[in-house]
Amino acid sequence: MKLDAERREYLKGDLRRKTLNDDPIEQLKRWLDEAGEMEQIDPTAMTLATVDSEGQPSQRVVLLKKLDQDGLVFFTNLNSNKAQDIAVNNKVSANFAWLPLERQVKIKGVASRISHSETLSYFLSRPKNSQLAAWASNQSQPISSRQFLMAAFDKMKQKFAEGEIPLPDFWGGYRIKPIAFEFWQGGSSRLHDRFEYTPSEFGWDIKRLAP
């Protein structure tokens, strides 16, 4: 691949102020719905960026599990790198990229733990193997082999062979409270459409940004 020659035109659509919802949460819901209707792969996948105690950023993809006026919710092992980062710096950013639709959404916000009851409700809704995987994986820690991981999974299968699988005390959810949104739609000749939402006294201020 010749990297400096990789390019294409973005011709899927445009974005105009008059078509935007005044509420960025509702606009995000609309785009999520459209991505799902067009059968995009993992439409709820978002890249989550955190910063550690030394100021080093890190990114990974997580799945959005709840979206409402309180923010965006995802779940993780509470000993994971992302959770450790949030413990020292709860300012985060998230990005949805629906590349076949030539769309992106960038969100800046503050992350905080959700309640035990919310976490439990979601955990109990997960498939059994996903519940077992939460118990089996000491997320972000080095392991000797794939076989080691599968052995830990099999051990949890035997341990919780009967009855409900309890919620691990090291597993939980975070809510990102948004402080800014940016909606991006690809445009021809690199003249992309970008709109930024920032809080105002009466809701959200919306500005068009140069591409």
N, C-alpha and C. Protein backbone atom coordinates (compact mmCIF):
# COMPACT_ATOMS: atom_id res chain seq x y z
N MET A 1 0.84 -1.20 0.00
CA MET A 1 0.00 0.00 0.00
C MET A 1 0.87 1.25 0.00
N LYS A 2 0.58 2.16 -0.88
CA LYS A 2 1.29 3.44 -0.92
C LYS A 2 0.49 4.44 -0.09
N LEU A 3 0.92 4.66 1.13
CA LEU A 3 0.12 5.41 2.09
C LEU A 3 -0.21 6.82 1.64
N ASP A 4 0.78 7.52 1.07
CA ASP A 4 0.51 8.91 0.70
C ASP A 4 -0.39 9.04 -0.52
N ALA A 5 -0.70 7.91 -1.18
CA ALA A 5 -1.59 7.95 -2.32
C ALA A 5 -2.99 7.43 -1.99
N GLU A 6 -3.19 6.97 -0.75
CA GLU A 6 -4.49 6.45 -0.35
C GLU A 6 -5.46 7.60 -0.10
N ARG A 7 -6.46 7.71 -0.94
CA ARG A 7 -7.46 8.76 -0.75
C ARG A 7 -8.70 8.40 -1.55
N ARG A 8 -9.81 9.00 -1.15
CA ARG A 8 -11.05 8.83 -1.89
C ARG A 8 -11.93 10.03 -1.61
N GLU A 9 -12.96 10.20 -2.39
CA GLU A 9 -13.92 11.25 -2.15
C GLU A 9 -14.98 10.76 -1.17
N TYR A 10 -15.50 11.68 -0.37
CA TYR A 10 -16.58 11.37 0.56
C TYR A 10 -17.87 11.94 -0.02
N LEU A 11 -18.77 11.03 -0.42
CA LEU A 11 -19.94 11.45 -1.19
C LEU A 11 -21.25 10.89 -0.64
N LYS A 12 -21.23 10.37 0.59
CA LYS A 12 -22.41 9.71 1.14
C LYS A 12 -23.54 10.68 1.52
N GLY A 13 -23.18 11.92 1.83
CA GLY A 13 -24.22 12.86 2.25
C GLY A 13 -23.62 14.16 2.74
N ASP A 14 -24.47 14.97 3.34
CA ASP A 14 -23.99 16.22 3.92
C ASP A 14 -24.69 16.43 5.25
N LEU A 15 -24.29 17.47 5.94
CA LEU A 15 -24.86 17.79 7.25
C LEU A 15 -25.11 19.29 7.30
N ARG A 16 -26.34 19.67 7.60
CA ARG A 16 -26.71 21.07 7.65
C ARG A 16 -27.30 21.41 9.01
N ARG A 17 -27.13 22.64 9.41
CA ARG A 17 -27.62 23.05 10.73
C ARG A 17 -29.12 22.80 10.85
N LYS A 18 -29.86 23.04 9.81
CA LYS A 18 -31.32 22.91 9.90
C LYS A 18 -31.77 21.47 10.10
N THR A 19 -30.89 20.51 9.78
CA THR A 19 -31.26 19.11 9.96
C THR A 19 -30.80 18.54 11.29
N LEU A 20 -29.99 19.29 12.02
CA LEU A 20 -29.46 18.83 13.30
C LEU A 20 -30.50 18.98 14.40
N ASN A 21 -30.57 18.01 15.29
CA ASN A 21 -31.39 18.15 16.49
C ASN A 21 -30.71 19.12 17.44
N ASP A 22 -31.48 19.96 18.13
CA ASP A 22 -30.90 20.91 19.07
C ASP A 22 -30.26 20.22 20.27
N ASP A 23 -30.63 18.97 20.49
CA ASP A 23 -30.11 18.18 21.61
C ASP A 23 -29.11 17.16 21.07
N PRO A 24 -27.83 17.22 21.45
CA PRO A 24 -26.83 16.30 20.89
C PRO A 24 -27.08 14.84 21.25
N ILE A 25 -27.68 14.59 22.41
CA ILE A 25 -28.00 13.21 22.77
C ILE A 25 -29.00 12.63 21.78
N GLU A 26 -30.01 13.42 21.44
CA GLU A 26 -31.01 12.96 20.48
C GLU A 26 -30.40 12.81 19.08
N GLN A 27 -29.49 13.71 18.73
CA GLN A 27 -28.80 13.59 17.44
C GLN A 27 -27.96 12.32 17.40
N LEU A 28 -27.26 12.01 18.50
CA LEU A 28 -26.46 10.80 18.57
C LEU A 28 -27.35 9.56 18.48
N LYS A 29 -28.49 9.58 19.17
CA LYS A 29 -29.42 8.45 19.08
C LYS A 29 -29.86 8.23 17.63
N ARG A 30 -30.12 9.34 16.92
CA ARG A 30 -30.56 9.24 15.53
C ARG A 30 -29.50 8.57 14.68
N TRP A 31 -28.25 9.01 14.84
CA TRP A 31 -27.17 8.42 14.05
C TRP A 31 -26.91 6.97 14.45
N LEU A 32 -27.02 6.65 15.73
CA LEU A 32 -26.88 5.26 16.16
C LEU A 32 -27.96 4.39 15.51
N ASP A 33 -29.20 4.88 15.52
CA ASP A 33 -30.29 4.14 14.91
C ASP A 33 -30.04 3.93 13.42
N GLU A 34 -29.58 4.98 12.74
CA GLU A 34 -29.34 4.87 11.30
C GLU A 34 -28.20 3.90 11.01
N ALA A 35 -27.16 3.91 11.86
CA ALA A 35 -26.05 2.96 11.68
C ALA A 35 -26.54 1.53 11.87
N GLY A 36 -27.42 1.32 12.86
CA GLY A 36 -27.98 0.00 13.08
C GLY A 36 -28.88 -0.45 11.94
N GLU A 37 -29.72 0.46 11.44
CA GLU A 37 -30.63 0.13 10.35
C GLU A 37 -29.88 -0.21 9.07
N MET A 38 -28.71 0.41 8.89
CA MET A 38 -27.91 0.13 7.69
C MET A 38 -26.93 -1.01 7.92
N GLU A 39 -27.12 -1.72 9.05
CA GLU A 39 -26.37 -2.93 9.37
C GLU A 39 -24.86 -2.69 9.40
N GLN A 40 -24.48 -1.57 10.01
CA GLN A 40 -23.06 -1.33 10.24
C GLN A 40 -22.55 -2.33 11.27
N ILE A 41 -21.32 -2.79 11.11
CA ILE A 41 -20.73 -3.73 12.07
C ILE A 41 -20.49 -3.00 13.39
N ASP A 42 -20.98 -3.58 14.48
CA ASP A 42 -20.79 -3.01 15.82
C ASP A 42 -21.11 -1.51 15.85
N PRO A 43 -22.33 -1.12 15.57
CA PRO A 43 -22.67 0.31 15.53
C PRO A 43 -22.50 1.00 16.88
N THR A 44 -22.53 0.25 17.98
CA THR A 44 -22.39 0.86 19.31
C THR A 44 -20.94 0.90 19.80
N ALA A 45 -20.00 0.48 18.96
CA ALA A 45 -18.59 0.49 19.36
C ALA A 45 -18.06 1.92 19.38
N MET A 46 -17.40 2.28 20.46
CA MET A 46 -16.81 3.62 20.55
C MET A 46 -15.38 3.50 21.06
N THR A 47 -14.51 4.32 20.50
CA THR A 47 -13.14 4.39 20.98
C THR A 47 -13.10 5.29 22.20
N LEU A 48 -12.64 4.73 23.31
CA LEU A 48 -12.56 5.47 24.57
C LEU A 48 -11.11 5.86 24.84
N ALA A 49 -10.86 7.14 25.02
CA ALA A 49 -9.52 7.64 25.32
C ALA A 49 -9.44 8.08 26.77
N THR A 50 -8.39 7.62 27.46
CA THR A 50 -8.12 8.02 28.84
C THR A 50 -6.67 8.48 28.94
N VAL A 51 -6.33 9.08 30.06
CA VAL A 51 -4.96 9.55 30.29
C VAL A 51 -4.51 9.06 31.66
N ASP A 52 -3.30 8.48 31.72
CA ASP A 52 -2.84 7.93 32.99
C ASP A 52 -2.17 8.97 33.87
N SER A 53 -1.62 8.54 34.99
CA SER A 53 -1.04 9.46 35.98
C SER A 53 0.20 10.17 35.46
N GLU A 54 0.81 9.65 34.40
CA GLU A 54 2.00 10.28 33.82
C GLU A 54 1.66 11.12 32.59
N GLY A 55 0.36 11.26 32.31
CA GLY A 55 -0.07 12.07 31.17
C GLY A 55 -0.05 11.34 29.85
N GLN A 56 0.11 10.01 29.88
CA GLN A 56 0.13 9.23 28.64
C GLN A 56 -1.28 8.83 28.23
N PRO A 57 -1.73 9.27 27.05
CA PRO A 57 -3.06 8.87 26.59
C PRO A 57 -3.07 7.41 26.16
N SER A 58 -4.24 6.81 26.24
CA SER A 58 -4.44 5.43 25.79
C SER A 58 -5.85 5.31 25.23
N GLN A 59 -6.00 4.48 24.20
CA GLN A 59 -7.31 4.30 23.57
C GLN A 59 -7.63 2.82 23.43
N ARG A 60 -8.91 2.53 23.46
CA ARG A 60 -9.40 1.18 23.20
C ARG A 60 -10.88 1.28 22.81
N VAL A 61 -11.39 0.23 22.20
CA VAL A 61 -12.80 0.23 21.79
C VAL A 61 -13.63 -0.47 22.86
N VAL A 62 -14.71 0.19 23.28
CA VAL A 62 -15.68 -0.39 24.21
C VAL A 62 -17.06 -0.27 23.57
N LEU A 63 -18.03 -0.98 24.14
CA LEU A 63 -19.38 -0.93 23.61
C LEU A 63 -20.28 -0.06 24.46
N LEU A 64 -20.99 0.84 23.82
CA LEU A 64 -21.98 1.67 24.50
C LEU A 64 -23.16 0.78 24.91
N LYS A 65 -23.55 0.84 26.19
CA LYS A 65 -24.62 -0.01 26.68
C LYS A 65 -25.85 0.76 27.14
N LYS A 66 -25.74 2.06 27.29
CA LYS A 66 -26.90 2.88 27.66
C LYS A 66 -26.62 4.31 27.25
N LEU A 67 -27.65 4.98 26.76
CA LEU A 67 -27.53 6.38 26.35
C LEU A 67 -28.81 7.10 26.73
N ASP A 68 -28.68 8.13 27.57
CA ASP A 68 -29.82 8.96 27.93
C ASP A 68 -29.29 10.35 28.30
N GLN A 69 -30.15 11.17 28.84
CA GLN A 69 -29.75 12.54 29.15
C GLN A 69 -28.69 12.63 30.24
N ASP A 70 -28.48 11.54 30.97
CA ASP A 70 -27.42 11.52 31.98
C ASP A 70 -26.07 11.20 31.39
N GLY A 71 -26.03 10.65 30.19
CA GLY A 71 -24.74 10.37 29.56
C GLY A 71 -24.67 9.01 28.89
N LEU A 72 -23.43 8.55 28.68
CA LEU A 72 -23.14 7.31 27.96
C LEU A 72 -22.53 6.31 28.94
N VAL A 73 -23.04 5.08 28.93
CA VAL A 73 -22.60 4.08 29.90
C VAL A 73 -21.87 2.93 29.20
N PHE A 74 -20.74 2.52 29.79
CA PHE A 74 -20.02 1.32 29.36
C PHE A 74 -19.59 0.56 30.60
N PHE A 75 -19.18 -0.70 30.41
CA PHE A 75 -18.81 -1.57 31.53
C PHE A 75 -17.41 -2.13 31.32
N THR A 76 -16.75 -2.44 32.47
CA THR A 76 -15.38 -2.93 32.39
C THR A 76 -14.96 -3.56 33.72
N ASN A 77 -13.83 -4.24 33.68
CA ASN A 77 -13.18 -4.69 34.90
C ASN A 77 -12.64 -3.46 35.63
N LEU A 78 -12.91 -3.36 36.92
CA LEU A 78 -12.52 -2.16 37.67
C LEU A 78 -11.03 -2.11 37.98
N ASN A 79 -10.31 -3.19 37.64
CA ASN A 79 -8.85 -3.20 37.78
C ASN A 79 -8.15 -2.99 36.45
N SER A 80 -8.93 -2.76 35.39
CA SER A 80 -8.35 -2.60 34.06
C SER A 80 -7.57 -1.29 33.96
N ASN A 81 -6.77 -1.20 32.90
CA ASN A 81 -6.00 0.03 32.70
C ASN A 81 -6.91 1.25 32.57
N LYS A 82 -8.03 1.09 31.86
CA LYS A 82 -8.91 2.24 31.67
C LYS A 82 -9.49 2.71 33.00
N ALA A 83 -9.84 1.74 33.87
CA ALA A 83 -10.39 2.10 35.17
C ALA A 83 -9.33 2.77 36.05
N GLN A 84 -8.11 2.29 35.97
CA GLN A 84 -7.03 2.92 36.73
C GLN A 84 -6.77 4.33 36.24
N ASP A 85 -6.83 4.52 34.92
CA ASP A 85 -6.66 5.87 34.38
C ASP A 85 -7.75 6.81 34.90
N ILE A 86 -8.99 6.34 34.84
CA ILE A 86 -10.11 7.18 35.27
C ILE A 86 -10.01 7.53 36.74
N ALA A 87 -9.43 6.62 37.53
CA ALA A 87 -9.28 6.88 38.97
C ALA A 87 -8.38 8.08 39.25
N VAL A 88 -7.42 8.34 38.36
CA VAL A 88 -6.51 9.47 38.58
C VAL A 88 -6.87 10.67 37.71
N ASN A 89 -7.62 10.45 36.64
CA ASN A 89 -8.02 11.54 35.74
C ASN A 89 -9.32 11.13 35.07
N ASN A 90 -10.43 11.67 35.55
CA ASN A 90 -11.73 11.22 35.02
C ASN A 90 -12.19 11.99 33.79
N LYS A 91 -11.31 12.81 33.21
CA LYS A 91 -11.63 13.46 31.94
C LYS A 91 -11.33 12.47 30.81
N VAL A 92 -12.33 12.18 29.99
CA VAL A 92 -12.18 11.19 28.92
C VAL A 92 -12.74 11.75 27.63
N SER A 93 -12.50 11.03 26.55
CA SER A 93 -13.17 11.34 25.29
C SER A 93 -13.56 10.03 24.63
N ALA A 94 -14.59 10.10 23.79
CA ALA A 94 -15.08 8.92 23.08
C ALA A 94 -15.32 9.29 21.63
N ASN A 95 -15.18 8.31 20.75
CA ASN A 95 -15.37 8.56 19.33
C ASN A 95 -16.13 7.39 18.70
N PHE A 96 -17.22 7.71 18.01
CA PHE A 96 -17.91 6.73 17.19
C PHE A 96 -17.49 6.99 15.75
N ALA A 97 -17.09 5.93 15.04
CA ALA A 97 -16.69 6.08 13.63
C ALA A 97 -17.45 5.06 12.81
N TRP A 98 -18.42 5.54 12.05
CA TRP A 98 -19.16 4.69 11.12
C TRP A 98 -18.61 4.98 9.73
N LEU A 99 -17.49 4.35 9.41
CA LEU A 99 -16.74 4.71 8.21
C LEU A 99 -17.52 4.49 6.91
N PRO A 100 -18.30 3.40 6.77
CA PRO A 100 -19.07 3.26 5.52
C PRO A 100 -20.09 4.37 5.33
N LEU A 101 -20.53 5.00 6.43
CA LEU A 101 -21.47 6.12 6.35
C LEU A 101 -20.75 7.46 6.29
N GLU A 102 -19.41 7.41 6.38
CA GLU A 102 -18.58 8.61 6.38
C GLU A 102 -18.98 9.57 7.50
N ARG A 103 -19.18 9.00 8.68
CA ARG A 103 -19.61 9.78 9.84
C ARG A 103 -18.74 9.48 11.04
N GLN A 104 -18.55 10.51 11.85
CA GLN A 104 -17.90 10.37 13.15
C GLN A 104 -18.62 11.25 14.16
N VAL A 105 -18.55 10.84 15.42
CA VAL A 105 -19.01 11.69 16.52
C VAL A 105 -17.93 11.65 17.60
N LYS A 106 -17.48 12.81 18.01
CA LYS A 106 -16.49 12.93 19.08
C LYS A 106 -17.17 13.53 20.31
N ILE A 107 -16.89 12.95 21.47
CA ILE A 107 -17.52 13.39 22.72
C ILE A 107 -16.45 13.60 23.77
N LYS A 108 -16.45 14.76 24.40
CA LYS A 108 -15.61 15.02 25.57
C LYS A 108 -16.49 14.94 26.81
N GLY A 109 -15.95 14.37 27.88
CA GLY A 109 -16.77 14.28 29.08
C GLY A 109 -16.00 13.88 30.31
N VAL A 110 -16.74 13.66 31.37
CA VAL A 110 -16.19 13.27 32.67
C VAL A 110 -16.82 11.94 33.05
N ALA A 111 -15.99 10.97 33.42
CA ALA A 111 -16.47 9.63 33.74
C ALA A 111 -16.60 9.42 35.24
N SER A 112 -17.65 8.72 35.63
CA SER A 112 -17.84 8.37 37.04
C SER A 112 -18.53 7.02 37.13
N ARG A 113 -18.32 6.32 38.25
CA ARG A 113 -18.91 5.01 38.45
C ARG A 113 -20.42 5.11 38.56
N ILE A 114 -21.11 4.13 37.97
CA ILE A 114 -22.55 4.07 38.14
C ILE A 114 -22.88 3.25 39.38
N SER A 115 -24.14 3.21 39.74
CA SER A 115 -24.54 2.54 40.97
C SER A 115 -24.42 1.02 40.86
N HIS A 116 -24.36 0.39 42.03
CA HIS A 116 -24.31 -1.08 42.08
C HIS A 116 -25.56 -1.68 41.46
N SER A 117 -26.71 -1.09 41.71
CA SER A 117 -27.96 -1.64 41.19
C SER A 117 -28.00 -1.58 39.67
N GLU A 118 -27.50 -0.49 39.07
CA GLU A 118 -27.45 -0.39 37.61
C GLU A 118 -26.52 -1.44 37.03
N THR A 119 -25.36 -1.61 37.69
CA THR A 119 -24.39 -2.59 37.22
C THR A 119 -24.95 -4.00 37.31
N LEU A 120 -25.58 -4.31 38.44
CA LEU A 120 -26.15 -5.64 38.64
C LEU A 120 -27.22 -5.93 37.59
N SER A 121 -28.08 -4.96 37.34
CA SER A 121 -29.15 -5.15 36.37
C SER A 121 -28.58 -5.50 35.00
N TYR A 122 -27.53 -4.79 34.59
CA TYR A 122 -26.93 -5.09 33.29
C TYR A 122 -26.21 -6.43 33.31
N PHE A 123 -25.46 -6.71 34.38
CA PHE A 123 -24.69 -7.96 34.45
C PHE A 123 -25.61 -9.17 34.31
N LEU A 124 -26.76 -9.12 34.96
CA LEU A 124 -27.69 -10.24 34.91
C LEU A 124 -28.31 -10.42 33.53
N SER A 125 -28.27 -9.37 32.70
CA SER A 125 -28.82 -9.46 31.35
C SER A 125 -27.82 -10.04 30.36
N ARG A 126 -26.56 -10.19 30.78
CA ARG A 126 -25.53 -10.68 29.85
C ARG A 126 -25.66 -12.19 29.65
N PRO A 127 -25.21 -12.70 28.49
CA PRO A 127 -25.16 -14.14 28.31
C PRO A 127 -24.27 -14.79 29.38
N LYS A 128 -24.57 -16.03 29.71
CA LYS A 128 -23.84 -16.71 30.78
C LYS A 128 -22.33 -16.75 30.53
N ASN A 129 -21.93 -17.02 29.29
CA ASN A 129 -20.49 -17.08 29.01
C ASN A 129 -19.81 -15.73 29.18
N SER A 130 -20.54 -14.65 28.91
CA SER A 130 -19.97 -13.31 29.14
C SER A 130 -19.82 -13.05 30.63
N GLN A 131 -20.77 -13.51 31.42
CA GLN A 131 -20.66 -13.39 32.88
C GLN A 131 -19.45 -14.18 33.38
N LEU A 132 -19.29 -15.40 32.87
CA LEU A 132 -18.15 -16.22 33.28
C LEU A 132 -16.82 -15.58 32.87
N ALA A 133 -16.80 -14.97 31.68
CA ALA A 133 -15.57 -14.34 31.21
C ALA A 133 -15.16 -13.18 32.11
N ALA A 134 -16.14 -12.46 32.65
CA ALA A 134 -15.83 -11.37 33.58
C ALA A 134 -15.10 -11.90 34.81
N TRP A 135 -15.51 -13.08 35.28
CA TRP A 135 -14.85 -13.71 36.43
C TRP A 135 -13.47 -14.26 36.06
N ALA A 136 -13.35 -14.79 34.85
CA ALA A 136 -12.13 -15.51 34.48
C ALA A 136 -10.97 -14.59 34.11
N SER A 137 -11.28 -13.39 33.62
CA SER A 137 -10.24 -12.51 33.09
C SER A 137 -9.80 -11.45 34.10
N ASN A 138 -8.53 -11.48 34.45
CA ASN A 138 -7.93 -10.42 35.26
C ASN A 138 -7.44 -9.35 34.29
N GLN A 139 -8.37 -8.57 33.79
CA GLN A 139 -8.14 -7.72 32.63
C GLN A 139 -6.92 -6.82 32.76
N SER A 140 -6.16 -6.75 31.67
CA SER A 140 -4.97 -5.91 31.52
C SER A 140 -3.72 -6.51 32.16
N GLN A 141 -3.86 -7.62 32.89
CA GLN A 141 -2.71 -8.24 33.54
C GLN A 141 -2.06 -9.27 32.61
N PRO A 142 -0.72 -9.42 32.67
CA PRO A 142 -0.05 -10.41 31.82
C PRO A 142 -0.48 -11.83 32.18
N ILE A 143 -0.61 -12.67 31.15
CA ILE A 143 -0.89 -14.09 31.36
C ILE A 143 0.09 -14.90 30.51
N SER A 144 0.31 -16.13 30.90
CA SER A 144 1.33 -16.94 30.25
C SER A 144 0.92 -17.46 28.88
N SER A 145 -0.39 -17.69 28.68
CA SER A 145 -0.81 -18.28 27.41
C SER A 145 -2.33 -18.21 27.27
N ARG A 146 -2.81 -18.50 26.07
CA ARG A 146 -4.25 -18.64 25.83
C ARG A 146 -4.81 -19.80 26.66
N GLN A 147 -4.01 -20.84 26.78
CA GLN A 147 -4.44 -22.01 27.55
C GLN A 147 -4.71 -21.64 29.01
N PHE A 148 -3.90 -20.76 29.55
CA PHE A 148 -4.10 -20.30 30.94
C PHE A 148 -5.47 -19.63 31.07
N LEU A 149 -5.80 -18.78 30.10
CA LEU A 149 -7.08 -18.07 30.13
C LEU A 149 -8.24 -19.05 30.03
N MET A 150 -8.14 -20.01 29.11
CA MET A 150 -9.22 -20.97 28.95
C MET A 150 -9.38 -21.86 30.17
N ALA A 151 -8.27 -22.16 30.82
CA ALA A 151 -8.34 -22.96 32.05
C ALA A 151 -9.07 -22.18 33.14
N ALA A 152 -8.81 -20.88 33.22
CA ALA A 152 -9.50 -20.04 34.21
C ALA A 152 -11.00 -19.97 33.89
N PHE A 153 -11.33 -19.90 32.61
CA PHE A 153 -12.73 -19.88 32.19
C PHE A 153 -13.43 -21.19 32.56
N ASP A 154 -12.77 -22.32 32.29
CA ASP A 154 -13.35 -23.62 32.63
C ASP A 154 -13.53 -23.77 34.14
N LYS A 155 -12.59 -23.23 34.90
CA LYS A 155 -12.70 -23.28 36.35
C LYS A 155 -13.94 -22.52 36.83
N MET A 156 -14.21 -21.35 36.23
CA MET A 156 -15.38 -20.58 36.59
C MET A 156 -16.67 -21.30 36.17
N LYS A 157 -16.61 -22.00 35.04
CA LYS A 157 -17.76 -22.80 34.60
C LYS A 157 -18.14 -23.83 35.65
N GLN A 158 -17.13 -24.49 36.19
CA GLN A 158 -17.37 -25.51 37.20
C GLN A 158 -17.83 -24.88 38.51
N LYS A 159 -17.22 -23.77 38.87
CA LYS A 159 -17.55 -23.11 40.13
C LYS A 159 -19.00 -22.63 40.15
N PHE A 160 -19.47 -22.10 39.02
CA PHE A 160 -20.82 -21.54 38.96
C PHE A 160 -21.73 -22.39 38.07
N ALA A 161 -21.58 -23.70 38.17
CA ALA A 161 -22.34 -24.61 37.32
C ALA A 161 -23.84 -24.57 37.61
N GLU A 162 -24.18 -24.22 38.84
CA GLU A 162 -25.59 -24.20 39.22
C GLU A 162 -25.98 -22.82 39.74
N GLY A 163 -27.18 -22.39 39.42
CA GLY A 163 -27.70 -21.13 39.92
C GLY A 163 -27.17 -19.93 39.17
N GLU A 164 -27.56 -18.74 39.65
CA GLU A 164 -27.12 -17.49 39.02
C GLU A 164 -25.66 -17.23 39.30
N ILE A 165 -25.01 -16.60 38.33
CA ILE A 165 -23.61 -16.20 38.50
C ILE A 165 -23.60 -14.83 39.18
N PRO A 166 -22.92 -14.70 40.31
CA PRO A 166 -22.95 -13.43 41.03
C PRO A 166 -22.13 -12.35 40.32
N LEU A 167 -22.46 -11.12 40.61
CA LEU A 167 -21.71 -9.98 40.08
C LEU A 167 -20.34 -9.91 40.75
N PRO A 168 -19.25 -9.91 39.99
CA PRO A 168 -17.93 -9.76 40.62
C PRO A 168 -17.80 -8.38 41.25
N ASP A 169 -17.12 -8.31 42.39
CA ASP A 169 -16.95 -7.01 43.04
C ASP A 169 -15.93 -6.14 42.31
N PHE A 170 -15.22 -6.73 41.34
CA PHE A 170 -14.21 -5.99 40.58
C PHE A 170 -14.70 -5.63 39.18
N TRP A 171 -16.01 -5.64 38.98
CA TRP A 171 -16.57 -5.36 37.66
C TRP A 171 -17.68 -4.34 37.80
N GLY A 172 -17.71 -3.34 36.92
CA GLY A 172 -18.73 -2.31 37.07
C GLY A 172 -18.86 -1.43 35.84
N GLY A 173 -19.67 -0.41 35.99
CA GLY A 173 -19.95 0.48 34.87
C GLY A 173 -19.53 1.91 35.14
N TYR A 174 -19.33 2.65 34.06
CA TYR A 174 -19.00 4.07 34.12
C TYR A 174 -19.97 4.85 33.24
N ARG A 175 -20.30 6.02 33.70
CA ARG A 175 -21.12 6.93 32.90
C ARG A 175 -20.27 8.13 32.49
N ILE A 176 -20.26 8.42 31.20
CA ILE A 176 -19.57 9.62 30.71
C ILE A 176 -20.59 10.75 30.64
N LYS A 177 -20.39 11.77 31.44
CA LYS A 177 -21.23 12.96 31.38
C LYS A 177 -20.64 13.91 30.35
N PRO A 178 -21.32 14.12 29.22
CA PRO A 178 -20.71 14.90 28.14
C PRO A 178 -20.59 16.39 28.48
N ILE A 179 -19.49 16.98 28.01
CA ILE A 179 -19.32 18.42 28.11
C ILE A 179 -19.18 19.05 26.72
N ALA A 180 -19.01 18.22 25.69
CA ALA A 180 -18.95 18.73 24.31
C ALA A 180 -19.14 17.57 23.34
N PHE A 181 -19.77 17.87 22.21
CA PHE A 181 -19.96 16.90 21.12
C PHE A 181 -19.46 17.54 19.83
N GLU A 182 -18.98 16.68 18.93
CA GLU A 182 -18.72 17.14 17.56
C GLU A 182 -19.24 16.08 16.59
N PHE A 183 -20.11 16.50 15.68
CA PHE A 183 -20.65 15.62 14.64
C PHE A 183 -19.96 15.95 13.32
N TRP A 184 -19.47 14.90 12.65
CA TRP A 184 -18.68 15.05 11.43
C TRP A 184 -19.27 14.20 10.33
N GLN A 185 -19.50 14.83 9.18
CA GLN A 185 -19.96 14.11 7.99
C GLN A 185 -18.99 14.40 6.87
N GLY A 186 -18.46 13.35 6.24
CA GLY A 186 -17.51 13.55 5.16
C GLY A 186 -18.12 14.30 3.99
N GLY A 187 -17.29 15.12 3.35
CA GLY A 187 -17.76 15.90 2.19
C GLY A 187 -16.77 15.82 1.04
N SER A 188 -17.23 16.13 -0.16
CA SER A 188 -16.36 16.07 -1.34
C SER A 188 -15.28 17.14 -1.25
N SER A 189 -14.16 16.87 -1.92
CA SER A 189 -13.01 17.80 -1.96
C SER A 189 -12.50 18.13 -0.57
N ARG A 190 -12.72 17.23 0.37
CA ARG A 190 -12.28 17.41 1.76
C ARG A 190 -12.98 18.57 2.47
N LEU A 191 -14.13 19.00 1.92
CA LEU A 191 -14.91 20.06 2.55
C LEU A 191 -15.97 19.40 3.44
N HIS A 192 -15.49 18.81 4.51
CA HIS A 192 -16.36 18.07 5.41
C HIS A 192 -17.26 19.00 6.22
N ASP A 193 -18.37 18.45 6.71
CA ASP A 193 -19.28 19.20 7.58
C ASP A 193 -19.00 18.82 9.03
N ARG A 194 -18.77 19.82 9.87
CA ARG A 194 -18.49 19.61 11.28
C ARG A 194 -19.33 20.58 12.12
N PHE A 195 -19.98 20.04 13.14
CA PHE A 195 -20.75 20.88 14.06
C PHE A 195 -20.39 20.51 15.49
N GLU A 196 -20.13 21.55 16.28
CA GLU A 196 -19.76 21.36 17.68
C GLU A 196 -20.88 21.85 18.59
N TYR A 197 -21.22 21.01 19.58
CA TYR A 197 -22.18 21.37 20.62
C TYR A 197 -21.42 21.63 21.92
N THR A 198 -21.67 22.76 22.53
CA THR A 198 -21.11 23.06 23.85
C THR A 198 -22.23 23.59 24.75
N PRO A 199 -22.15 23.35 26.06
CA PRO A 199 -23.23 23.77 26.96
C PRO A 199 -23.41 25.28 26.96
N SER A 200 -24.66 25.70 27.06
CA SER A 200 -24.98 27.11 27.19
C SER A 200 -26.03 27.28 28.28
N GLU A 201 -26.37 28.51 28.56
CA GLU A 201 -27.34 28.79 29.63
C GLU A 201 -28.69 28.15 29.36
N PHE A 202 -29.04 28.02 28.08
CA PHE A 202 -30.38 27.54 27.73
C PHE A 202 -30.35 26.19 27.01
N GLY A 203 -29.27 25.45 27.18
CA GLY A 203 -29.18 24.13 26.55
C GLY A 203 -27.82 23.90 25.93
N TRP A 204 -27.78 23.91 24.60
CA TRP A 204 -26.52 23.68 23.89
C TRP A 204 -26.32 24.74 22.80
N ASP A 205 -25.10 25.25 22.73
CA ASP A 205 -24.72 26.17 21.66
C ASP A 205 -24.14 25.34 20.53
N ILE A 206 -24.55 25.60 19.29
CA ILE A 206 -24.11 24.81 18.15
C ILE A 206 -23.36 25.71 17.18
N LYS A 207 -22.12 25.31 16.84
CA LYS A 207 -21.29 26.07 15.92
C LYS A 207 -20.82 25.17 14.80
N ARG A 208 -20.82 25.69 13.58
CA ARG A 208 -20.16 24.99 12.46
C ARG A 208 -18.66 25.24 12.55
N LEU A 209 -17.88 24.18 12.33
CA LEU A 209 -16.42 24.29 12.36
C LEU A 209 -15.86 24.10 10.96
N ALA A 210 -14.76 24.79 10.66
CA ALA A 210 -14.09 24.57 9.38
C ALA A 210 -13.51 23.16 9.37
N PRO A 211 -13.50 22.51 8.20
CA PRO A 211 -13.00 21.14 8.15
C PRO A 211 -11.49 21.06 8.28
